[in-house]
Amino acid sequence: MSALHRPHGTLTDDNDPILLTPETAGWAHTGLRVLKIGRRLPRLIETGEFEAFVLPLSGSVTVRVDDEEFELEGRDSVFTRVTDFAYVPRDAEVELTSPTGAEIALPMARCERRLDPMYGPAEEVPVEVRGSGQATRQVTNFGVPGVWDHADKLNACELITPDGNWSSYPPHKHDEASECEVVNEEIYYFRVAGRDGITPSREGFGLHRTYTADGTLDEDVAVRDGDVFLIPRGYHGPCVAAPGYPMYYLNVLAGPAEERSMAFCDDPAHSWVRGTWASQQQDPRCPVTDDEGRVR
């Protein structure tokens, strides 16, 4: 099994689906937790040296932190709606409560500055349709620089790839400081819909590729619902959604740069593909969701 591919069930802690720290990832900056919140059963989270987003994957949640309270309207699944979210700072005690039960992602980054908590409403989250033809996908830019600037190191966004399409393409990298890229560790957290196109299921699958120009990394893996893939370096992409099974992934990025950035460089062998998109039609299935729900 690849050391970078962490299948569902290999990162659990106390029945929570994902507990990934920089130490368990083998790097320095980026982490991810996925928590199950019982119906009206509060969960207390200590952020320690990490800032985080509170991102509902399913269900709604109340966030209490630093004498602030945020009501996050969630969603039935990641394939049904763009969600509210919240930013919570380092060195904080965070209480999470759900009226009906919820599953919550906590993208995390080790940071130095302690900022105030802040609420992010779904209606202010930009939804971008990127690519064209079979490379059309939805990018939900809730926590990226220039859209959400209230963070010290943490970057995050969501992607939905319609079944049969390719995303994270052309392959790209961000593992050195150069004119076109910054250093970022990146997490891919996958959810894959079943036959109804909405409900996450282990029945479906997709494909993911990560590699380096010198061949020291050369990973081609099948990913299923709940899997994690780690990108410490190298080109990554494509992510391919198998026909019949739409793919979602949460990208979490952080690195040593003083200013947050998600700048990257394409693999020069494949960057020409971007030039073909202008002559192709975008897949009409995108956008898939917005703050009001399913678009189509």
C-alpha atoms as a PDB file:
ATOM      1  CA  MET A   1       0.000   0.000   0.000  1.00  0.00           C
ATOM      2  CA  SER A   2       1.221   3.513  -0.809  1.00  0.00           C
ATOM      3  CA  ALA A   3       2.438   5.562   2.173  1.00  0.00           C
ATOM      4  CA  LEU A   4       0.702   8.583   0.649  1.00  0.00           C
ATOM      5  CA  HIS A   5      -2.678   6.898   0.158  1.00  0.00           C
ATOM      6  CA  ARG A   6      -4.527   6.514   3.462  1.00  0.00           C
ATOM      7  CA  PRO A   7      -7.677   4.473   2.785  1.00  0.00           C
ATOM      8  CA  HIS A   8     -10.858   4.958   4.783  1.00  0.00           C
ATOM      9  CA  GLY A   9     -10.486   3.433   8.251  1.00  0.00           C
ATOM     10  CA  THR A  10      -6.706   3.841   8.576  1.00  0.00           C
ATOM     11  CA  LEU A  11      -6.711   7.289  10.247  1.00  0.00           C
ATOM     12  CA  THR A  12      -9.523   6.848  12.776  1.00  0.00           C
ATOM     13  CA  ASP A  13      -9.473   7.888  16.429  1.00  0.00           C
ATOM     14  CA  ASP A  14     -12.246   7.252  18.993  1.00  0.00           C
ATOM     15  CA  ASN A  15     -14.663   6.372  16.165  1.00  0.00           C
ATOM     16  CA  ASP A  16     -14.048   9.648  14.305  1.00  0.00           C
ATOM     17  CA  PRO A  17     -13.377   9.022  10.590  1.00  0.00           C
ATOM     18  CA  ILE A  18     -10.166  11.073  10.193  1.00  0.00           C
ATOM     19  CA  LEU A  19      -7.408  12.214  12.552  1.00  0.00           C
ATOM     20  CA  LEU A  20      -4.438  13.365  10.484  1.00  0.00           C
ATOM     21  CA  THR A  21      -1.739  15.467  12.121  1.00  0.00           C
ATOM     22  CA  PRO A  22       1.501  16.755  10.573  1.00  0.00           C
ATOM     23  CA  GLU A  23       3.289  14.067  12.570  1.00  0.00           C
ATOM     24  CA  THR A  24       1.173  11.204  11.203  1.00  0.00           C
ATOM     25  CA  ALA A  25       1.486  12.695   7.711  1.00  0.00           C
ATOM     26  CA  GLY A  26       5.270  12.968   7.999  1.00  0.00           C
ATOM     27  CA  TRP A  27       5.473  16.698   7.365  1.00  0.00           C
ATOM     28  CA  ALA A  28       5.301  20.008   9.260  1.00  0.00           C
ATOM     29  CA  HIS A  29       2.251  22.186   8.602  1.00  0.00           C
ATOM     30  CA  THR A  30      -1.030  20.640   7.443  1.00  0.00           C
ATOM     31  CA  GLY A  31      -3.660  18.484   9.152  1.00  0.00           C
ATOM     32  CA  LEU A  32      -7.267  17.317   8.924  1.00  0.00           C
ATOM     33  CA  ARG A  33      -9.862  15.992  11.325  1.00  0.00           C
ATOM     34  CA  VAL A  34     -13.302  14.654  10.452  1.00  0.00           C
ATOM     35  CA  LEU A  35     -15.640  14.385  13.435  1.00  0.00           C
ATOM     36  CA  LYS A  36     -19.013  12.806  14.032  1.00  0.00           C
ATOM     37  CA  ILE A  37     -21.247  14.978  16.233  1.00  0.00           C
ATOM     38  CA  GLY A  38     -24.091  13.130  17.957  1.00  0.00           C
ATOM     39  CA  ARG A  39     -27.589  14.601  18.165  1.00  0.00           C
ATOM     40  CA  ARG A  40     -27.468  17.257  20.896  1.00  0.00           C
ATOM     41  CA  LEU A  41     -24.230  15.794  22.237  1.00  0.00           C
ATOM     42  CA  PRO A  42     -21.647  18.615  22.424  1.00  0.00           C
ATOM     43  CA  ARG A  43     -18.055  17.965  21.380  1.00  0.00           C
ATOM     44  CA  LEU A  44     -15.178  19.992  22.822  1.00  0.00           C
ATOM     45  CA  ILE A  45     -12.131  20.489  20.594  1.00  0.00           C
ATOM     46  CA  GLU A  46      -8.815  22.041  21.650  1.00  0.00           C
ATOM     47  CA  THR A  47      -7.115  23.648  18.652  1.00  0.00           C
ATOM     48  CA  GLY A  48      -3.667  23.939  20.267  1.00  0.00           C
ATOM     49  CA  GLU A  49      -1.121  25.322  17.783  1.00  0.00           C
ATOM     50  CA  PHE A  50      -3.504  24.948  14.825  1.00  0.00           C
ATOM     51  CA  GLU A  51      -6.001  27.277  13.191  1.00  0.00           C
ATOM     52  CA  ALA A  52      -8.931  25.528  11.513  1.00  0.00           C
ATOM     53  CA  PHE A  53     -12.089  25.831   9.488  1.00  0.00           C
ATOM     54  CA  VAL A  54     -15.271  24.204  10.783  1.00  0.00           C
ATOM     55  CA  LEU A  55     -16.855  22.804   7.614  1.00  0.00           C
ATOM     56  CA  PRO A  56     -20.078  20.759   7.781  1.00  0.00           C
ATOM     57  CA  LEU A  57     -19.969  17.729   5.479  1.00  0.00           C
ATOM     58  CA  SER A  58     -23.487  16.689   6.495  1.00  0.00           C
ATOM     59  CA  GLY A  59     -25.861  18.211   9.024  1.00  0.00           C
ATOM     60  CA  SER A  60     -25.829  21.626  10.679  1.00  0.00           C
ATOM     61  CA  VAL A  61     -23.805  22.687  13.701  1.00  0.00           C
ATOM     62  CA  THR A  62     -23.521  25.424  16.329  1.00  0.00           C
ATOM     63  CA  VAL A  63     -19.960  26.616  16.984  1.00  0.00           C
ATOM     64  CA  ARG A  64     -19.077  28.283  20.290  1.00  0.00           C
ATOM     65  CA  VAL A  65     -15.585  29.754  20.680  1.00  0.00           C
ATOM     66  CA  ASP A  66     -14.130  32.795  22.513  1.00  0.00           C
ATOM     67  CA  ASP A  67     -17.604  33.900  23.692  1.00  0.00           C
ATOM     68  CA  GLU A  68     -18.796  33.872  20.074  1.00  0.00           C
ATOM     69  CA  GLU A  69     -21.562  31.646  18.710  1.00  0.00           C
ATOM     70  CA  PHE A  70     -22.099  30.794  15.034  1.00  0.00           C
ATOM     71  CA  GLU A  71     -25.027  28.843  13.605  1.00  0.00           C
ATOM     72  CA  LEU A  72     -23.785  26.959  10.542  1.00  0.00           C
ATOM     73  CA  GLU A  73     -26.471  25.834   8.129  1.00  0.00           C
ATOM     74  CA  GLY A  74     -25.059  22.662   6.672  1.00  0.00           C
ATOM     75  CA  ARG A  75     -26.240  20.245   3.991  1.00  0.00           C
ATOM     76  CA  ASP A  76     -27.488  16.717   3.483  1.00  0.00           C
ATOM     77  CA  SER A  77     -24.231  15.765   1.755  1.00  0.00           C
ATOM     78  CA  VAL A  78     -21.289  17.450   0.045  1.00  0.00           C
ATOM     79  CA  PHE A  79     -23.102  16.884  -3.265  1.00  0.00           C
ATOM     80  CA  THR A  80     -26.244  18.863  -2.326  1.00  0.00           C
ATOM     81  CA  ARG A  81     -25.229  22.391  -1.270  1.00  0.00           C
ATOM     82  CA  VAL A  82     -22.475  24.885  -0.587  1.00  0.00           C
ATOM     83  CA  THR A  83     -22.327  25.197   3.207  1.00  0.00           C
ATOM     84  CA  ASP A  84     -21.768  27.852   5.848  1.00  0.00           C
ATOM     85  CA  PHE A  85     -18.448  27.503   7.661  1.00  0.00           C
ATOM     86  CA  ALA A  86     -16.448  29.135  10.461  1.00  0.00           C
ATOM     87  CA  TYR A  87     -12.825  29.999  11.149  1.00  0.00           C
ATOM     88  CA  VAL A  88     -11.501  29.130  14.622  1.00  0.00           C
ATOM     89  CA  PRO A  89      -8.095  30.268  15.939  1.00  0.00           C
ATOM     90  CA  ARG A  90      -5.213  28.470  17.579  1.00  0.00           C
ATOM     91  CA  ASP A  91      -5.182  28.081  21.383  1.00  0.00           C
ATOM     92  CA  ALA A  92      -8.968  27.877  21.544  1.00  0.00           C
ATOM     93  CA  GLU A  93     -11.585  25.614  23.088  1.00  0.00           C
ATOM     94  CA  VAL A  94     -14.315  25.004  20.527  1.00  0.00           C
ATOM     95  CA  GLU A  95     -17.713  23.520  21.372  1.00  0.00           C
ATOM     96  CA  LEU A  96     -19.639  21.888  18.523  1.00  0.00           C
ATOM     97  CA  THR A  97     -23.323  20.984  18.903  1.00  0.00           C
ATOM     98  CA  SER A  98     -25.763  19.666  16.326  1.00  0.00           C
ATOM     99  CA  PRO A  99     -29.571  19.477  16.689  1.00  0.00           C
ATOM    100  CA  THR A 100     -29.796  16.376  14.483  1.00  0.00           C
ATOM    101  CA  GLY A 101     -26.245  15.008  14.305  1.00  0.00           C
ATOM    102  CA  ALA A 102     -23.523  16.017  11.865  1.00  0.00           C
ATOM    103  CA  GLU A 103     -20.229  15.103  10.263  1.00  0.00           C
ATOM    104  CA  ILE A 104     -17.720  17.959  10.376  1.00  0.00           C
ATOM    105  CA  ALA A 105     -14.378  18.475   8.645  1.00  0.00           C
ATOM    106  CA  LEU A 106     -11.673  20.499  10.406  1.00  0.00           C
ATOM    107  CA  PRO A 107      -8.982  21.467   7.870  1.00  0.00           C
ATOM    108  CA  MET A 108      -6.030  22.619  10.000  1.00  0.00           C
ATOM    109  CA  ALA A 109      -2.715  24.426   9.713  1.00  0.00           C
ATOM    110  CA  ARG A 110       0.030  24.982  12.259  1.00  0.00           C
ATOM    111  CA  CYS A 111       0.346  28.752  12.668  1.00  0.00           C
ATOM    112  CA  GLU A 112       1.901  31.537  14.745  1.00  0.00           C
ATOM    113  CA  ARG A 113      -0.716  34.307  14.821  1.00  0.00           C
ATOM    114  CA  ARG A 114      -3.922  34.020  16.816  1.00  0.00           C
ATOM    115  CA  LEU A 115      -6.802  35.644  14.931  1.00  0.00           C
ATOM    116  CA  ASP A 116     -10.402  36.159  16.014  1.00  0.00           C
ATOM    117  CA  PRO A 117     -13.085  33.579  15.225  1.00  0.00           C
ATOM    118  CA  MET A 118     -15.190  34.425  12.166  1.00  0.00           C
ATOM    119  CA  TYR A 119     -18.355  33.199  10.418  1.00  0.00           C
ATOM    120  CA  GLY A 120     -18.420  32.422   6.688  1.00  0.00           C
ATOM    121  CA  PRO A 121     -21.915  32.466   5.117  1.00  0.00           C
ATOM    122  CA  ALA A 122     -22.574  30.140   2.192  1.00  0.00           C
ATOM    123  CA  GLU A 123     -24.067  32.912   0.073  1.00  0.00           C
ATOM    124  CA  GLU A 124     -20.693  34.690   0.025  1.00  0.00           C
ATOM    125  CA  VAL A 125     -18.702  31.633  -1.129  1.00  0.00           C
ATOM    126  CA  PRO A 126     -17.673  31.914  -4.810  1.00  0.00           C
ATOM    127  CA  VAL A 127     -18.436  28.869  -6.953  1.00  0.00           C
ATOM    128  CA  GLU A 128     -16.138  28.615  -9.983  1.00  0.00           C
ATOM    129  CA  VAL A 129     -16.533  26.399 -13.047  1.00  0.00           C
ATOM    130  CA  ARG A 130     -13.007  25.495 -14.110  1.00  0.00           C
ATOM    131  CA  GLY A 131     -11.743  23.719 -17.211  1.00  0.00           C
ATOM    132  CA  SER A 132     -13.809  22.595 -20.192  1.00  0.00           C
ATOM    133  CA  GLY A 133     -14.974  19.461 -21.978  1.00  0.00           C
ATOM    134  CA  GLN A 134     -14.278  16.378 -19.894  1.00  0.00           C
ATOM    135  CA  ALA A 135     -12.006  18.452 -17.651  1.00  0.00           C
ATOM    136  CA  THR A 136     -14.933  20.600 -16.406  1.00  0.00           C
ATOM    137  CA  ARG A 137     -15.322  20.711 -12.624  1.00  0.00           C
ATOM    138  CA  GLN A 138     -16.732  22.879  -9.845  1.00  0.00           C
ATOM    139  CA  VAL A 139     -14.367  24.644  -7.445  1.00  0.00           C
ATOM    140  CA  THR A 140     -15.918  26.020  -4.251  1.00  0.00           C
ATOM    141  CA  ASN A 141     -13.459  28.684  -3.079  1.00  0.00           C
ATOM    142  CA  PHE A 142     -14.516  29.105   0.538  1.00  0.00           C
ATOM    143  CA  GLY A 143     -11.077  29.372   2.162  1.00  0.00           C
ATOM    144  CA  VAL A 144      -8.622  30.566  -0.483  1.00  0.00           C
ATOM    145  CA  PRO A 145      -6.479  33.735  -0.555  1.00  0.00           C
ATOM    146  CA  GLY A 146      -8.258  36.694  -2.108  1.00  0.00           C
ATOM    147  CA  VAL A 147     -11.639  35.298  -1.101  1.00  0.00           C
ATOM    148  CA  TRP A 148     -11.059  34.464   2.551  1.00  0.00           C
ATOM    149  CA  ASP A 149      -8.104  36.430   3.910  1.00  0.00           C
ATOM    150  CA  HIS A 150      -8.833  35.846   7.607  1.00  0.00           C
ATOM    151  CA  ALA A 151      -6.238  33.122   8.216  1.00  0.00           C
ATOM    152  CA  ASP A 152      -2.541  32.947   9.001  1.00  0.00           C
ATOM    153  CA  LYS A 153      -1.408  29.834   7.054  1.00  0.00           C
ATOM    154  CA  LEU A 154      -4.497  27.800   6.177  1.00  0.00           C
ATOM    155  CA  ASN A 155      -5.889  27.415   2.638  1.00  0.00           C
ATOM    156  CA  ALA A 156      -8.820  25.193   1.698  1.00  0.00           C
ATOM    157  CA  CYS A 157     -11.324  24.656  -1.102  1.00  0.00           C
ATOM    158  CA  GLU A 158     -13.813  22.023  -2.269  1.00  0.00           C
ATOM    159  CA  LEU A 159     -14.125  20.428  -5.705  1.00  0.00           C
ATOM    160  CA  ILE A 160     -16.905  18.426  -7.327  1.00  0.00           C
ATOM    161  CA  THR A 161     -16.062  16.430 -10.434  1.00  0.00           C
ATOM    162  CA  PRO A 162     -19.084  15.091 -12.382  1.00  0.00           C
ATOM    163  CA  ASP A 163     -18.922  11.382 -13.089  1.00  0.00           C
ATOM    164  CA  GLY A 164     -16.660  10.591 -16.041  1.00  0.00           C
ATOM    165  CA  ASN A 165     -14.760  13.906 -15.805  1.00  0.00           C
ATOM    166  CA  TRP A 166     -11.169  14.774 -14.899  1.00  0.00           C
ATOM    167  CA  SER A 167     -10.039  17.421 -12.399  1.00  0.00           C
ATOM    168  CA  SER A 168      -6.727  18.608 -10.932  1.00  0.00           C
ATOM    169  CA  TYR A 169      -5.625  18.674 -14.539  1.00  0.00           C
ATOM    170  CA  PRO A 170      -3.201  19.484 -16.089  1.00  0.00           C
ATOM    171  CA  PRO A 171      -0.939  17.996 -13.390  1.00  0.00           C
ATOM    172  CA  HIS A 172       0.692  20.685 -11.270  1.00  0.00           C
ATOM    173  CA  LYS A 173       3.018  21.057  -8.310  1.00  0.00           C
ATOM    174  CA  HIS A 174       3.866  23.444  -5.469  1.00  0.00           C
ATOM    175  CA  ASP A 175       6.957  22.072  -3.760  1.00  0.00           C
ATOM    176  CA  GLU A 176       9.550  24.838  -4.234  1.00  0.00           C
ATOM    177  CA  ALA A 177       9.711  28.612  -4.065  1.00  0.00           C
ATOM    178  CA  SER A 178       9.960  29.919  -7.634  1.00  0.00           C
ATOM    179  CA  GLU A 179       8.489  32.522  -9.958  1.00  0.00           C
ATOM    180  CA  CYS A 180       5.283  30.512 -10.390  1.00  0.00           C
ATOM    181  CA  GLU A 181       4.863  28.450  -7.219  1.00  0.00           C
ATOM    182  CA  VAL A 182       5.142  28.395  -3.438  1.00  0.00           C
ATOM    183  CA  VAL A 183       5.783  25.470  -1.108  1.00  0.00           C
ATOM    184  CA  ASN A 184       2.588  23.864   0.203  1.00  0.00           C
ATOM    185  CA  GLU A 185       1.816  20.496   1.723  1.00  0.00           C
ATOM    186  CA  GLU A 186      -1.584  19.351   0.447  1.00  0.00           C
ATOM    187  CA  ILE A 187      -4.264  16.927   1.586  1.00  0.00           C
ATOM    188  CA  TYR A 188      -6.915  15.458  -0.697  1.00  0.00           C
ATOM    189  CA  TYR A 189      -9.943  14.138   1.237  1.00  0.00           C
ATOM    190  CA  PHE A 190     -12.284  12.249  -1.077  1.00  0.00           C
ATOM    191  CA  ARG A 191     -16.027  11.633  -0.962  1.00  0.00           C
ATOM    192  CA  VAL A 192     -17.569   9.588  -3.751  1.00  0.00           C
ATOM    193  CA  ALA A 193     -21.298   9.501  -4.439  1.00  0.00           C
ATOM    194  CA  GLY A 194     -23.176   6.270  -5.042  1.00  0.00           C
ATOM    195  CA  ARG A 195     -25.722   5.525  -7.723  1.00  0.00           C
ATOM    196  CA  ASP A 196     -28.035   8.408  -6.790  1.00  0.00           C
ATOM    197  CA  GLY A 197     -25.215  10.929  -7.374  1.00  0.00           C
ATOM    198  CA  ILE A 198     -25.789  12.458  -3.928  1.00  0.00           C
ATOM    199  CA  THR A 199     -25.263   9.965  -1.108  1.00  0.00           C
ATOM    200  CA  PRO A 200     -21.601   9.107  -0.347  1.00  0.00           C
ATOM    201  CA  SER A 201     -20.928   5.401  -0.798  1.00  0.00           C
ATOM    202  CA  ARG A 202     -17.973   3.024  -0.828  1.00  0.00           C
ATOM    203  CA  GLU A 203     -19.530   1.385  -3.888  1.00  0.00           C
ATOM    204  CA  GLY A 204     -18.049   3.956  -6.272  1.00  0.00           C
ATOM    205  CA  PHE A 205     -14.454   4.893  -6.953  1.00  0.00           C
ATOM    206  CA  GLY A 206     -12.142   7.293  -8.745  1.00  0.00           C
ATOM    207  CA  LEU A 207      -8.481   7.496  -9.709  1.00  0.00           C
ATOM    208  CA  HIS A 208      -5.690   9.788  -8.516  1.00  0.00           C
ATOM    209  CA  ARG A 209      -2.121  10.299  -9.775  1.00  0.00           C
ATOM    210  CA  THR A 210       0.937  11.879  -8.083  1.00  0.00           C
ATOM    211  CA  TYR A 211       4.482  11.750  -9.499  1.00  0.00           C
ATOM    212  CA  THR A 212       7.813  13.550  -9.684  1.00  0.00           C
ATOM    213  CA  ALA A 213       9.812  14.358 -12.794  1.00  0.00           C
ATOM    214  CA  ASP A 214      12.675  12.124 -11.605  1.00  0.00           C
ATOM    215  CA  GLY A 215      10.397   9.170 -10.917  1.00  0.00           C
ATOM    216  CA  THR A 216      11.048   8.950  -7.169  1.00  0.00           C
ATOM    217  CA  LEU A 217       7.282   9.306  -6.726  1.00  0.00           C
ATOM    218  CA  ASP A 218       5.010   7.513  -9.185  1.00  0.00           C
ATOM    219  CA  GLU A 219       1.614   6.788  -7.630  1.00  0.00           C
ATOM    220  CA  ASP A 220      -1.562   5.730  -9.451  1.00  0.00           C
ATOM    221  CA  VAL A 221      -4.275   4.705  -7.007  1.00  0.00           C
ATOM    222  CA  ALA A 222      -7.980   3.950  -6.894  1.00  0.00           C
ATOM    223  CA  VAL A 223      -9.675   6.130  -4.278  1.00  0.00           C
ATOM    224  CA  ARG A 224     -13.019   5.519  -2.609  1.00  0.00           C
ATOM    225  CA  ASP A 225     -15.318   7.422  -0.311  1.00  0.00           C
ATOM    226  CA  GLY A 226     -13.507   8.597   2.825  1.00  0.00           C
ATOM    227  CA  ASP A 227      -9.963   8.055   1.516  1.00  0.00           C
ATOM    228  CA  VAL A 228      -7.127  10.560   2.014  1.00  0.00           C
ATOM    229  CA  PHE A 229      -4.157  11.169  -0.266  1.00  0.00           C
ATOM    230  CA  LEU A 230      -1.100  13.191   0.867  1.00  0.00           C
ATOM    231  CA  ILE A 231       0.889  15.439  -1.489  1.00  0.00           C
ATOM    232  CA  PRO A 232       4.288  16.246   0.072  1.00  0.00           C
ATOM    233  CA  ARG A 233       5.850  17.118  -3.296  1.00  0.00           C
ATOM    234  CA  GLY A 234       5.613  16.433  -6.993  1.00  0.00           C
ATOM    235  CA  TYR A 235       3.026  16.849  -9.715  1.00  0.00           C
ATOM    236  CA  HIS A 236      -0.494  15.750  -8.875  1.00  0.00           C
ATOM    237  CA  GLY A 237      -3.412  15.116 -11.163  1.00  0.00           C
ATOM    238  CA  PRO A 238      -5.564  14.045 -12.636  1.00  0.00           C
ATOM    239  CA  CYS A 239      -8.338  13.018 -10.288  1.00  0.00           C
ATOM    240  CA  VAL A 240     -10.773  11.010 -12.392  1.00  0.00           C
ATOM    241  CA  ALA A 241     -14.384  10.311 -11.403  1.00  0.00           C
ATOM    242  CA  ALA A 242     -15.462   6.914 -12.707  1.00  0.00           C
ATOM    243  CA  PRO A 243     -18.587   6.928 -14.896  1.00  0.00           C
ATOM    244  CA  GLY A 244     -21.646   6.735 -12.633  1.00  0.00           C
ATOM    245  CA  TYR A 245     -19.859   8.062  -9.536  1.00  0.00           C
ATOM    246  CA  PRO A 246     -19.410  11.832  -8.984  1.00  0.00           C
ATOM    247  CA  MET A 247     -16.323  12.737  -6.942  1.00  0.00           C
ATOM    248  CA  TYR A 248     -15.859  15.398  -4.257  1.00  0.00           C
ATOM    249  CA  TYR A 249     -12.617  16.306  -2.592  1.00  0.00           C
ATOM    250  CA  LEU A 250     -11.569  18.769   0.065  1.00  0.00           C
ATOM    251  CA  ASN A 251      -8.130  20.301  -0.565  1.00  0.00           C
ATOM    252  CA  VAL A 252      -6.188  21.510   2.481  1.00  0.00           C
ATOM    253  CA  LEU A 253      -2.904  23.368   1.933  1.00  0.00           C
ATOM    254  CA  ALA A 254      -0.365  25.065   4.179  1.00  0.00           C
ATOM    255  CA  GLY A 255       3.343  25.742   4.059  1.00  0.00           C
ATOM    256  CA  PRO A 256       6.229  27.845   5.373  1.00  0.00           C
ATOM    257  CA  ALA A 257       5.677  30.970   3.236  1.00  0.00           C
ATOM    258  CA  GLU A 258       5.006  34.177   5.178  1.00  0.00           C
ATOM    259  CA  GLU A 259       1.974  35.004   3.034  1.00  0.00           C
ATOM    260  CA  ARG A 260      -0.749  32.506   2.161  1.00  0.00           C
ATOM    261  CA  SER A 261      -0.693  31.449  -1.472  1.00  0.00           C
ATOM    262  CA  MET A 262      -1.865  28.526  -3.594  1.00  0.00           C
ATOM    263  CA  ALA A 263       0.421  29.325  -6.550  1.00  0.00           C
ATOM    264  CA  PHE A 264       1.508  26.312  -8.606  1.00  0.00           C
ATOM    265  CA  CYS A 265       3.349  25.290 -11.784  1.00  0.00           C
ATOM    266  CA  ASP A 266       1.904  22.950 -14.414  1.00  0.00           C
ATOM    267  CA  ASP A 267       3.851  19.965 -15.640  1.00  0.00           C
ATOM    268  CA  PRO A 268       5.256  21.534 -18.852  1.00  0.00           C
ATOM    269  CA  ALA A 269       4.610  18.285 -20.708  1.00  0.00           C
ATOM    270  CA  HIS A 270       0.853  18.773 -20.300  1.00  0.00           C
ATOM    271  CA  SER A 271       0.284  22.524 -19.875  1.00  0.00           C
ATOM    272  CA  TRP A 272      -0.719  22.803 -23.550  1.00  0.00           C
ATOM    273  CA  VAL A 273      -4.044  21.193 -22.629  1.00  0.00           C
ATOM    274  CA  ARG A 274      -5.230  24.470 -21.063  1.00  0.00           C
ATOM    275  CA  GLY A 275      -5.032  26.080 -24.501  1.00  0.00           C
ATOM    276  CA  THR A 276      -7.611  23.645 -25.883  1.00  0.00           C
ATOM    277  CA  TRP A 277     -10.341  24.629 -23.433  1.00  0.00           C
ATOM    278  CA  ALA A 278     -11.298  27.811 -25.287  1.00  0.00           C
ATOM    279  CA  SER A 279     -12.521  25.745 -28.244  1.00  0.00           C
ATOM    280  CA  GLN A 280     -14.536  23.306 -26.092  1.00  0.00           C
ATOM    281  CA  GLN A 281     -17.870  23.708 -24.355  1.00  0.00           C
ATOM    282  CA  GLN A 282     -18.000  23.419 -20.586  1.00  0.00           C
ATOM    283  CA  ASP A 283     -19.896  20.472 -19.193  1.00  0.00           C
ATOM    284  CA  PRO A 284     -23.463  21.757 -18.525  1.00  0.00           C
ATOM    285  CA  ARG A 285     -23.593  19.686 -15.321  1.00  0.00           C
ATOM    286  CA  CYS A 286     -21.389  22.344 -13.705  1.00  0.00           C
ATOM    287  CA  PRO A 287     -21.919  24.144 -11.448  1.00  0.00           C
ATOM    288  CA  VAL A 288     -23.413  21.277  -9.474  1.00  0.00           C
ATOM    289  CA  THR A 289     -24.312  23.196  -6.296  1.00  0.00           C
ATOM    290  CA  ASP A 290     -24.552  26.688  -4.854  1.00  0.00           C
ATOM    291  CA  ASP A 291     -25.672  28.190  -1.542  1.00  0.00           C
ATOM    292  CA  GLU A 292     -29.307  27.377  -2.348  1.00  0.00           C
ATOM    293  CA  GLY A 293     -28.749  23.714  -3.166  1.00  0.00           C
ATOM    294  CA  ARG A 294     -28.464  21.647  -6.341  1.00  0.00           C
ATOM    295  CA  VAL A 295     -28.232  23.805  -9.445  1.00  0.00           C
ATOM    296  CA  ARG A 296     -29.374  21.046 -11.813  1.00  0.00           C
END
